[in-house]
Amino acid sequence: MTLPSTASLPLTPIEARVLATLMEKARTVPDSYPLSLNSLMLGCNQKTTRDPVMDLTEADVATAIDSLHNNALVRTNTSGRVARYEHNFQRGVGVPEQSAVLLGVLMLRGPQTSAELRLNTERWYKFADISSVEGFLEELQDRPEEKGGPLVVKLAKAPGAREQRWAHLLCGPVDEASWASGSGSPSRAVDSNTTERLARLEAEVAQLRSTVAKLCAELGVTPDAGAD
């Protein structure tokens, strides 16, 4: 069964995260695969190698699984005490292994350049070179309508960027205008971990300044005016 056109049945962002997480874990932790509902939720909510970072509940994940199961993109294994889930992406969408890998990483990490994709797919599949990555991306971009239409798009170059990024279309069309203006560029998005680190650094700097001021007052010296 092939996935219907992204125009008629796009995935939701949560469905894409669930599906891509199953695809990732099948390759990176095969001994723990298929995944239980709880393991799948934890994988979806990872703080690293995810863009955007999500905070899904088991109910969110279960709802997404039901929808993906109806579209033959996820299978349920009930042979054990706990139900476990595995993806059926490659056969369900009708793409070769290399294309499935690229789509999976795009769903997990957001738009990326060909070079970034080659690096980020290393644990899933080792592409010979960047031109090989681009070849499969171009095939996905030129996918005919009778097979469901394009599954990726090459975005306009963002301001200051040296290379164009690719984005998947499994969740529907991408707002390319925002990329052209730079507002959609991942480089402009500060994740929660970065925000927390900056806040800690600012607090440490403020504390150090306070300590220096106290020491200078005790010693009767004036802090260097250029120190701040």
Protein backbone atom coordinates (compact mmCIF):
# COMPACT_ATOMS: atom_id res chain seq x y z
CA MET A 1 0.00 0.00 0.00
CA THR A 2 1.36 3.44 -0.86
CA LEU A 3 0.77 6.61 1.08
CA PRO A 4 -1.88 8.86 -0.48
CA SER A 5 -0.86 12.27 -1.80
CA THR A 6 0.46 14.58 0.89
CA ALA A 7 -2.14 17.11 -0.33
CA SER A 8 -5.04 14.79 0.56
CA LEU A 9 -3.64 13.10 3.67
CA PRO A 10 -0.66 14.85 5.30
CA LEU A 11 0.72 13.52 8.56
CA THR A 12 0.38 15.61 11.69
CA PRO A 13 3.65 16.74 13.32
CA ILE A 14 3.05 14.22 16.13
CA GLU A 15 2.46 11.38 13.67
CA ALA A 16 5.66 12.32 11.85
CA ARG A 17 7.61 12.32 15.13
CA VAL A 18 6.23 8.93 16.17
CA LEU A 19 6.92 7.40 12.78
CA ALA A 20 10.44 8.83 12.50
CA THR A 21 11.30 7.76 16.05
CA LEU A 22 10.34 4.17 15.22
CA MET A 23 12.47 4.40 12.08
CA GLU A 24 15.43 5.70 14.07
CA LYS A 25 15.27 3.14 16.88
CA ALA A 26 14.92 0.26 14.43
CA ARG A 27 18.40 1.11 13.16
CA THR A 28 20.17 2.53 16.20
CA VAL A 29 18.92 0.22 19.00
CA PRO A 30 17.72 -2.94 17.22
CA ASP A 31 17.95 -5.02 20.42
CA SER A 32 15.20 -2.88 22.00
CA TYR A 33 13.00 -2.85 18.92
CA PRO A 34 9.97 -2.99 18.42
CA LEU A 35 9.18 -0.33 21.04
CA SER A 36 6.66 -0.30 23.86
CA LEU A 37 4.39 2.73 24.14
CA ASN A 38 6.45 4.19 26.99
CA SER A 39 9.78 3.68 25.17
CA LEU A 40 8.33 5.25 22.05
CA MET A 41 7.10 8.27 24.03
CA LEU A 42 10.55 8.75 25.58
CA GLY A 43 12.14 8.54 22.14
CA CYS A 44 9.75 11.12 20.76
CA ASN A 45 10.53 13.49 23.63
CA GLN A 46 14.33 13.31 23.40
CA LYS A 47 16.03 16.67 23.90
CA THR A 48 18.80 15.90 21.42
CA THR A 49 18.62 15.22 17.66
CA ARG A 50 15.06 16.55 17.62
CA ASP A 51 13.72 19.69 15.95
CA PRO A 52 11.42 20.80 17.37
CA VAL A 53 11.69 19.36 20.88
CA MET A 54 8.31 17.93 21.92
CA ASP A 55 6.66 16.98 25.21
CA LEU A 56 4.18 14.30 24.20
CA THR A 57 2.04 12.20 26.51
CA GLU A 58 1.31 8.51 26.08
CA ALA A 59 -2.18 9.48 24.94
CA ASP A 60 -0.69 11.71 22.21
CA VAL A 61 1.52 8.87 21.01
CA ALA A 62 -1.29 6.29 21.17
CA THR A 63 -3.57 8.49 19.07
CA ALA A 64 -0.83 8.94 16.47
CA ILE A 65 -0.18 5.18 16.41
CA ASP A 66 -3.85 4.49 15.69
CA SER A 67 -3.82 6.86 12.71
CA LEU A 68 -0.53 5.53 11.38
CA HIS A 69 -1.78 1.97 11.80
CA ASN A 70 -4.86 2.79 9.70
CA ASN A 71 -2.56 4.01 6.92
CA ALA A 72 -0.39 0.85 7.10
CA LEU A 73 2.62 2.87 8.27
CA VAL A 74 2.86 1.22 11.72
CA ARG A 75 2.37 -2.38 12.82
CA THR A 76 1.52 -3.67 16.29
CA ASN A 77 3.24 -6.70 17.80
CA THR A 78 1.06 -8.26 20.51
CA SER A 79 2.99 -11.50 20.99
CA GLY A 80 4.41 -10.41 24.36
CA ARG A 81 2.89 -9.14 27.60
CA VAL A 82 3.18 -5.55 26.38
CA ALA A 83 2.15 -4.34 22.93
CA ARG A 84 5.10 -3.15 20.87
CA TYR A 85 5.19 -1.06 17.72
CA GLU A 86 7.25 -1.07 14.55
CA HIS A 87 7.19 1.08 11.44
CA ASN A 88 6.26 0.03 7.92
CA PHE A 89 7.43 3.26 6.31
CA GLN A 90 9.48 2.03 3.37
CA ARG A 91 6.79 -0.31 2.07
CA GLY A 92 3.89 1.93 3.11
CA VAL A 93 5.23 4.97 1.27
CA GLY A 94 6.82 3.00 -1.56
CA VAL A 95 10.37 4.37 -1.49
CA PRO A 96 13.81 2.70 -1.47
CA GLU A 97 15.79 2.31 1.73
CA GLN A 98 18.03 5.33 1.11
CA SER A 99 15.06 7.62 0.52
CA ALA A 100 13.32 6.33 3.65
CA VAL A 101 16.43 7.11 5.70
CA LEU A 102 16.59 10.68 4.38
CA LEU A 103 12.89 11.26 5.05
CA GLY A 104 13.20 9.84 8.56
CA VAL A 105 16.04 12.18 9.50
CA LEU A 106 14.24 15.15 7.95
CA MET A 107 11.17 14.36 10.06
CA LEU A 108 13.28 14.17 13.22
CA ARG A 109 15.63 17.10 12.70
CA GLY A 110 13.87 19.50 10.37
CA PRO A 111 15.26 21.03 7.15
CA GLN A 112 18.93 20.27 6.44
CA THR A 113 21.53 20.69 3.72
CA SER A 114 22.74 17.69 1.74
CA ALA A 115 25.99 17.72 3.72
CA GLU A 116 24.13 17.79 7.04
CA LEU A 117 21.93 14.93 5.92
CA ARG A 118 24.91 12.79 4.96
CA LEU A 119 26.41 13.38 8.41
CA ASN A 120 23.17 12.89 10.36
CA THR A 121 22.23 9.66 8.57
CA GLU A 122 25.53 7.89 9.30
CA ARG A 123 24.06 5.72 12.07
CA TRP A 124 21.16 4.76 9.79
CA TYR A 125 22.86 4.35 6.42
CA LYS A 126 26.29 5.32 5.08
CA PHE A 127 25.99 7.28 1.86
CA ALA A 128 29.07 7.17 -0.37
CA ASP A 129 29.15 10.95 -0.86
CA ILE A 130 27.03 14.10 -0.91
CA SER A 131 26.15 13.65 -4.57
CA SER A 132 24.55 10.30 -3.67
CA VAL A 133 22.42 12.03 -1.04
CA GLU A 134 21.39 14.70 -3.55
CA GLY A 135 20.50 12.07 -6.14
CA PHE A 136 17.94 10.44 -3.84
CA LEU A 137 16.61 13.82 -2.73
CA GLU A 138 16.08 14.85 -6.33
CA GLU A 139 14.20 11.61 -6.99
CA LEU A 140 11.94 12.37 -4.03
CA GLN A 141 11.42 15.90 -5.29
CA ASP A 142 10.54 14.69 -8.81
CA ARG A 143 8.25 11.89 -7.60
CA PRO A 144 5.31 11.65 -10.05
CA GLU A 145 1.76 12.41 -8.99
CA GLU A 146 0.59 8.86 -9.73
CA LYS A 147 2.90 7.70 -6.91
CA GLY A 148 1.71 10.38 -4.50
CA GLY A 149 3.71 13.38 -5.67
CA PRO A 150 6.90 14.98 -4.31
CA LEU A 151 7.99 14.08 -0.78
CA VAL A 152 10.71 16.72 -0.37
CA VAL A 153 11.34 20.27 -1.50
CA LYS A 154 14.56 22.24 -1.86
CA LEU A 155 14.06 25.46 0.04
CA ALA A 156 15.18 28.90 -1.06
CA LYS A 157 18.53 29.89 0.38
CA ALA A 158 18.10 31.68 3.70
CA PRO A 159 19.92 35.01 4.26
CA GLY A 160 23.56 34.38 5.16
CA ALA A 161 23.39 30.66 4.33
CA ARG A 162 25.89 29.16 1.92
CA GLU A 163 23.75 26.17 0.95
CA GLN A 164 20.08 25.44 0.43
CA ARG A 165 18.24 23.13 2.79
CA TRP A 166 15.84 20.32 2.01
CA ALA A 167 12.52 19.78 3.82
CA HIS A 168 10.08 16.86 3.80
CA LEU A 169 6.48 17.25 2.61
CA LEU A 170 4.92 14.43 4.62
CA CYS A 171 3.17 17.00 6.83
CA GLY A 172 2.03 19.07 3.86
CA PRO A 173 3.51 22.07 2.03
CA VAL A 174 6.33 24.06 3.64
CA ASP A 175 6.02 27.83 4.02
CA GLU A 176 8.92 28.68 1.72
CA ALA A 177 8.30 32.43 2.08
CA SER A 178 9.34 32.26 5.72
CA TRP A 179 12.55 30.53 4.71
CA ALA A 180 13.32 33.10 2.06
CA SER A 181 13.02 35.82 4.71
CA GLY A 182 15.10 33.83 7.17
CA SER A 183 12.36 33.60 9.81
CA GLY A 184 12.09 29.84 9.38
CA SER A 185 15.79 29.11 9.58
CA PRO A 186 16.74 26.64 12.34
CA SER A 187 19.82 28.79 12.97
CA ARG A 188 17.48 31.49 14.27
CA ALA A 189 15.63 29.18 16.62
CA VAL A 190 17.08 28.93 20.13
CA ASP A 191 16.14 25.65 21.82
CA SER A 192 15.24 25.34 25.48
CA ASN A 193 18.61 23.82 26.41
CA THR A 194 20.47 26.77 24.90
CA THR A 195 18.19 29.21 26.71
CA GLU A 196 18.87 27.49 30.01
CA ARG A 197 22.64 27.54 29.42
CA LEU A 198 22.57 31.24 28.59
CA ALA A 199 20.54 31.98 31.70
CA ARG A 200 23.03 30.07 33.87
CA LEU A 201 25.99 31.89 32.30
CA GLU A 202 24.36 35.26 32.81
CA ALA A 203 23.70 34.41 36.46
CA GLU A 204 27.33 33.30 36.94
CA VAL A 205 28.65 36.49 35.33
CA ALA A 206 26.42 38.62 37.57
CA GLN A 207 27.66 36.73 40.63
CA LEU A 208 31.30 37.16 39.59
CA ARG A 209 30.79 40.88 39.05
CA SER A 210 29.25 41.16 42.51
CA THR A 211 32.19 39.30 44.05
CA VAL A 212 34.73 41.48 42.25
CA ALA A 213 32.92 44.64 43.39
CA LYS A 214 33.00 43.46 47.02
CA LEU A 215 36.72 42.60 46.85
CA CYS A 216 37.52 45.97 45.31
CA ALA A 217 35.55 47.73 48.04
CA GLU A 218 37.44 45.82 50.77
CA LEU A 219 40.81 46.58 49.14
CA GLY A 220 39.91 50.16 48.50
CA VAL A 221 40.56 49.99 44.77
CA THR A 222 38.41 51.01 41.85
CA PRO A 223 37.36 48.27 39.38
CA ASP A 224 38.78 48.67 35.88
CA ALA A 225 36.26 50.74 33.97
CA GLY A 226 36.71 48.54 30.91
CA ALA A 227 36.18 45.29 32.75
CA ASP A 228 32.47 45.19 31.94
